[in-house]
Amino acid sequence: MAGGAICAPCLAQPPRHDGIAAGTIYNDTARKLVLAFKHGRRIALAPMLARLIIARLPPMEGEWLVMPVPLHRWRLWHRGFNQAALIAGEIARSTGAELLVNGLERRKRTPALGGLGRQARMRTLHGAIAVDSRRRARIRGSQVLLVDDVLTSGATSDACVAALKRGGATRVVVACFARVLENEGGWGERRALAAPES
């Protein structure tokens, strides 16, 4: 959602989030950038990806927390970094908002989501993401900008938003570098299959 516009899927099934700010659509160019950033370890791309997101953000009035979508600790150790956290850090620095890297935790190790449809992703993520109990007091009553690199089906961000709202967040806006668009056959299945998972 940008500039007050609401997409057709959101009208049909109102989301938990309070808007989406995407730097670009998920296309071949965006895919190459994401693969280079996340799997090619080109972490120097983070500032550019963040700038593209910032250009699409709604007015951030009042105090905001900038929080990344979490990785499970095993995936974090394997990759060596959380790509969403790197982007979130750049956004926080540019906007002056507070960065809260460990506000959410991925409590169970889930299989790779690439190739799964929306319903399968939602089942896989059920109970996987929760607010870190040590940060619950900070999150209660807050406005949160939830950051990820790619928004595919929305299942991961939806699980995060649900956890944040249960934890007392009053508003959660999802911010991503690239968003897979809906199409006539569903939520963009063919393009989503090519989207690298978190």
Protein backbone atom coordinates (compact mmCIF):
# COMPACT_ATOMS: atom_id res chain seq x y z
CA MET A 1 0.00 0.00 0.00
CA ALA A 2 1.37 3.43 -0.94
CA GLY A 3 -0.28 6.83 -1.00
CA GLY A 4 -3.49 5.41 0.45
CA ALA A 5 -4.04 2.93 -2.41
CA ILE A 6 -5.25 -0.55 -1.48
CA CYS A 7 -4.54 -3.57 -3.69
CA ALA A 8 -7.27 -6.02 -4.75
CA PRO A 9 -6.00 -8.95 -2.61
CA CYS A 10 -5.99 -6.69 0.46
CA LEU A 11 -9.59 -5.68 -0.24
CA ALA A 12 -10.61 -9.33 -0.58
CA GLN A 13 -8.75 -10.46 2.54
CA PRO A 14 -7.77 -7.55 4.82
CA PRO A 15 -4.19 -8.04 6.03
CA ARG A 16 -2.87 -7.75 9.56
CA HIS A 17 -0.25 -5.20 8.53
CA ASP A 18 -0.82 -1.46 8.18
CA GLY A 19 0.72 -1.03 4.75
CA ILE A 20 3.55 -2.21 2.52
CA ALA A 21 6.41 -0.08 1.20
CA ALA A 22 8.33 -1.84 -1.59
CA GLY A 23 11.38 -0.37 -3.29
CA THR A 24 10.62 -2.17 -6.54
CA ILE A 25 8.74 -5.08 -8.06
CA TYR A 26 10.41 -8.49 -8.12
CA ASN A 27 11.80 -8.88 -11.64
CA ASP A 28 14.98 -10.27 -13.18
CA THR A 29 17.06 -7.27 -12.16
CA ALA A 30 15.77 -7.33 -8.58
CA ARG A 31 16.38 -11.09 -8.40
CA LYS A 32 20.01 -10.67 -9.48
CA LEU A 33 20.54 -7.99 -6.83
CA VAL A 34 18.97 -10.11 -4.11
CA LEU A 35 21.02 -13.17 -5.05
CA ALA A 36 24.22 -11.13 -5.10
CA PHE A 37 23.37 -9.54 -1.75
CA LYS A 38 22.15 -12.60 0.13
CA HIS A 39 23.95 -15.55 -1.40
CA GLY A 40 26.86 -13.78 -3.10
CA ARG A 41 27.62 -11.95 0.16
CA ARG A 42 27.66 -8.55 -1.54
CA ILE A 43 26.65 -6.88 1.71
CA ALA A 44 27.84 -3.51 0.40
CA LEU A 45 24.55 -3.45 -1.55
CA ALA A 46 22.58 -2.88 1.67
CA PRO A 47 22.69 0.97 1.55
CA MET A 48 21.39 1.05 -2.02
CA LEU A 49 18.57 -1.40 -1.28
CA ALA A 50 17.66 0.64 1.79
CA ARG A 51 17.56 3.90 -0.18
CA LEU A 52 15.09 2.39 -2.64
CA ILE A 53 12.86 1.34 0.25
CA ILE A 54 13.12 4.70 2.02
CA ALA A 55 11.91 6.46 -1.14
CA ARG A 56 8.65 4.49 -0.83
CA LEU A 57 8.04 4.83 2.90
CA PRO A 58 4.91 6.59 4.15
CA PRO A 59 5.39 9.55 6.50
CA MET A 60 6.82 8.15 9.75
CA GLU A 61 5.29 10.43 12.33
CA GLY A 62 6.13 9.90 15.98
CA GLU A 63 8.53 7.26 17.25
CA TRP A 64 9.19 4.09 15.25
CA LEU A 65 11.08 0.87 15.77
CA VAL A 66 12.83 -0.60 12.73
CA MET A 67 12.92 -4.38 13.00
CA PRO A 68 14.15 -7.07 10.57
CA VAL A 69 12.39 -10.33 9.82
CA PRO A 70 14.36 -12.84 11.93
CA LEU A 71 16.42 -15.79 10.77
CA HIS A 72 16.65 -19.01 12.73
CA ARG A 73 19.98 -19.18 14.54
CA TRP A 74 21.17 -22.14 12.42
CA ARG A 75 20.55 -20.25 9.18
CA LEU A 76 22.17 -17.15 10.65
CA TRP A 77 25.28 -19.13 11.59
CA HIS A 78 25.39 -20.75 8.16
CA ARG A 79 25.01 -17.51 6.21
CA GLY A 80 26.92 -15.31 8.64
CA PHE A 81 24.48 -12.40 8.51
CA ASN A 82 20.80 -11.53 8.40
CA GLN A 83 20.24 -9.64 5.16
CA ALA A 84 17.07 -8.02 6.51
CA ALA A 85 18.98 -6.75 9.55
CA LEU A 86 21.60 -5.09 7.33
CA ILE A 87 18.89 -3.26 5.37
CA ALA A 88 17.04 -2.37 8.59
CA GLY A 89 20.21 -0.86 10.03
CA GLU A 90 20.62 1.39 7.00
CA ILE A 91 16.98 2.48 7.17
CA ALA A 92 17.25 3.26 10.88
CA ARG A 93 20.38 5.35 10.32
CA SER A 94 18.78 7.31 7.49
CA THR A 95 15.42 7.94 9.19
CA GLY A 96 16.61 8.40 12.77
CA ALA A 97 14.28 5.63 13.95
CA GLU A 98 15.38 3.15 16.61
CA LEU A 99 16.81 -0.16 15.39
CA LEU A 100 15.68 -3.24 17.31
CA VAL A 101 17.42 -6.20 15.70
CA ASN A 102 16.29 -8.94 18.09
CA GLY A 103 12.70 -7.94 18.71
CA LEU A 104 11.45 -11.07 16.98
CA GLU A 105 12.83 -14.58 17.17
CA ARG A 106 12.42 -17.58 14.90
CA ARG A 107 11.74 -20.27 17.46
CA LYS A 108 11.75 -23.28 15.20
CA ARG A 109 13.87 -24.21 12.26
CA THR A 110 11.70 -24.27 9.15
CA PRO A 111 12.60 -25.78 5.78
CA ALA A 112 13.36 -23.54 2.82
CA LEU A 113 10.18 -21.81 1.65
CA GLY A 114 11.17 -21.46 -2.01
CA GLY A 115 8.74 -23.36 -4.23
CA LEU A 116 5.97 -23.53 -1.63
CA GLY A 117 2.59 -21.89 -2.23
CA ARG A 118 1.09 -19.36 0.18
CA GLN A 119 -0.94 -21.88 2.19
CA ALA A 120 2.01 -24.27 2.53
CA ARG A 121 4.22 -21.39 3.66
CA MET A 122 1.65 -20.36 6.27
CA ARG A 123 1.43 -23.92 7.62
CA THR A 124 5.22 -24.18 7.76
CA LEU A 125 5.53 -20.89 9.64
CA HIS A 126 2.76 -21.61 12.16
CA GLY A 127 4.20 -20.94 15.62
CA ALA A 128 7.69 -20.32 14.25
CA ILE A 129 7.97 -16.58 14.97
CA ALA A 130 7.39 -14.78 18.27
CA VAL A 131 8.31 -11.60 20.11
CA ASP A 132 11.46 -11.99 22.18
CA SER A 133 10.24 -11.87 25.77
CA ARG A 134 13.15 -9.58 26.72
CA ARG A 135 11.91 -6.95 24.23
CA ARG A 136 8.19 -7.24 24.88
CA ALA A 137 8.03 -4.09 27.02
CA ARG A 138 9.80 -2.06 24.33
CA ILE A 139 7.48 -3.29 21.59
CA ARG A 140 4.24 -2.78 23.52
CA GLY A 141 2.53 0.38 22.25
CA SER A 142 5.08 0.96 19.49
CA GLN A 143 4.93 1.62 15.77
CA VAL A 144 7.07 -0.89 13.87
CA LEU A 145 8.65 -0.86 10.44
CA LEU A 146 9.19 -4.54 9.64
CA VAL A 147 12.00 -4.99 7.11
CA ASP A 148 12.75 -7.84 4.69
CA ASP A 149 14.54 -8.15 1.37
CA VAL A 150 11.77 -9.82 -0.67
CA LEU A 151 8.03 -10.06 -0.04
CA THR A 152 6.81 -13.17 -1.84
CA SER A 153 3.50 -14.62 -0.65
CA GLY A 154 3.43 -12.49 2.49
CA ALA A 155 3.32 -15.56 4.76
CA THR A 156 6.55 -14.73 6.60
CA SER A 157 5.70 -11.07 7.08
CA ASP A 158 2.17 -12.02 8.15
CA ALA A 159 3.57 -14.33 10.84
CA CYS A 160 5.84 -11.51 12.03
CA VAL A 161 3.04 -8.94 12.03
CA ALA A 162 0.77 -11.31 13.96
CA ALA A 163 3.48 -11.82 16.59
CA LEU A 164 4.11 -8.08 16.87
CA LYS A 165 0.41 -7.27 17.21
CA ARG A 166 0.06 -9.97 19.89
CA GLY A 167 3.04 -8.35 21.58
CA GLY A 168 1.23 -5.02 21.73
CA ALA A 169 2.55 -3.15 18.67
CA THR A 170 -0.07 -0.61 17.60
CA ARG A 171 0.99 -0.31 13.96
CA VAL A 172 3.18 -2.45 11.71
CA VAL A 173 4.23 -1.36 8.23
CA VAL A 174 6.08 -3.90 6.08
CA ALA A 175 9.09 -2.57 4.15
CA CYS A 176 10.87 -4.65 1.51
CA PHE A 177 13.29 -4.14 -1.34
CA ALA A 178 11.28 -6.17 -3.86
CA ARG A 179 7.71 -7.40 -3.92
CA VAL A 180 6.35 -10.28 -6.00
CA LEU A 181 3.18 -9.00 -7.64
CA GLU A 182 -0.15 -10.74 -7.76
CA ASN A 183 -1.33 -11.99 -11.12
CA GLU A 184 -4.50 -13.45 -12.58
CA GLY A 185 -3.48 -16.98 -11.62
CA GLY A 186 -2.86 -16.26 -7.95
CA TRP A 187 -0.17 -14.44 -6.02
CA GLY A 188 2.52 -14.70 -8.61
CA GLU A 189 3.35 -18.39 -8.26
CA ARG A 190 5.76 -18.71 -11.17
CA ARG A 191 7.81 -15.68 -10.22
CA ALA A 192 7.67 -16.57 -6.54
CA LEU A 193 9.20 -19.96 -7.28
CA ALA A 194 12.29 -18.12 -8.44
CA ALA A 195 12.37 -15.90 -5.36
CA PRO A 196 15.19 -16.84 -2.96
CA GLU A 197 13.84 -17.80 0.44
CA SER A 198 14.87 -16.07 3.69
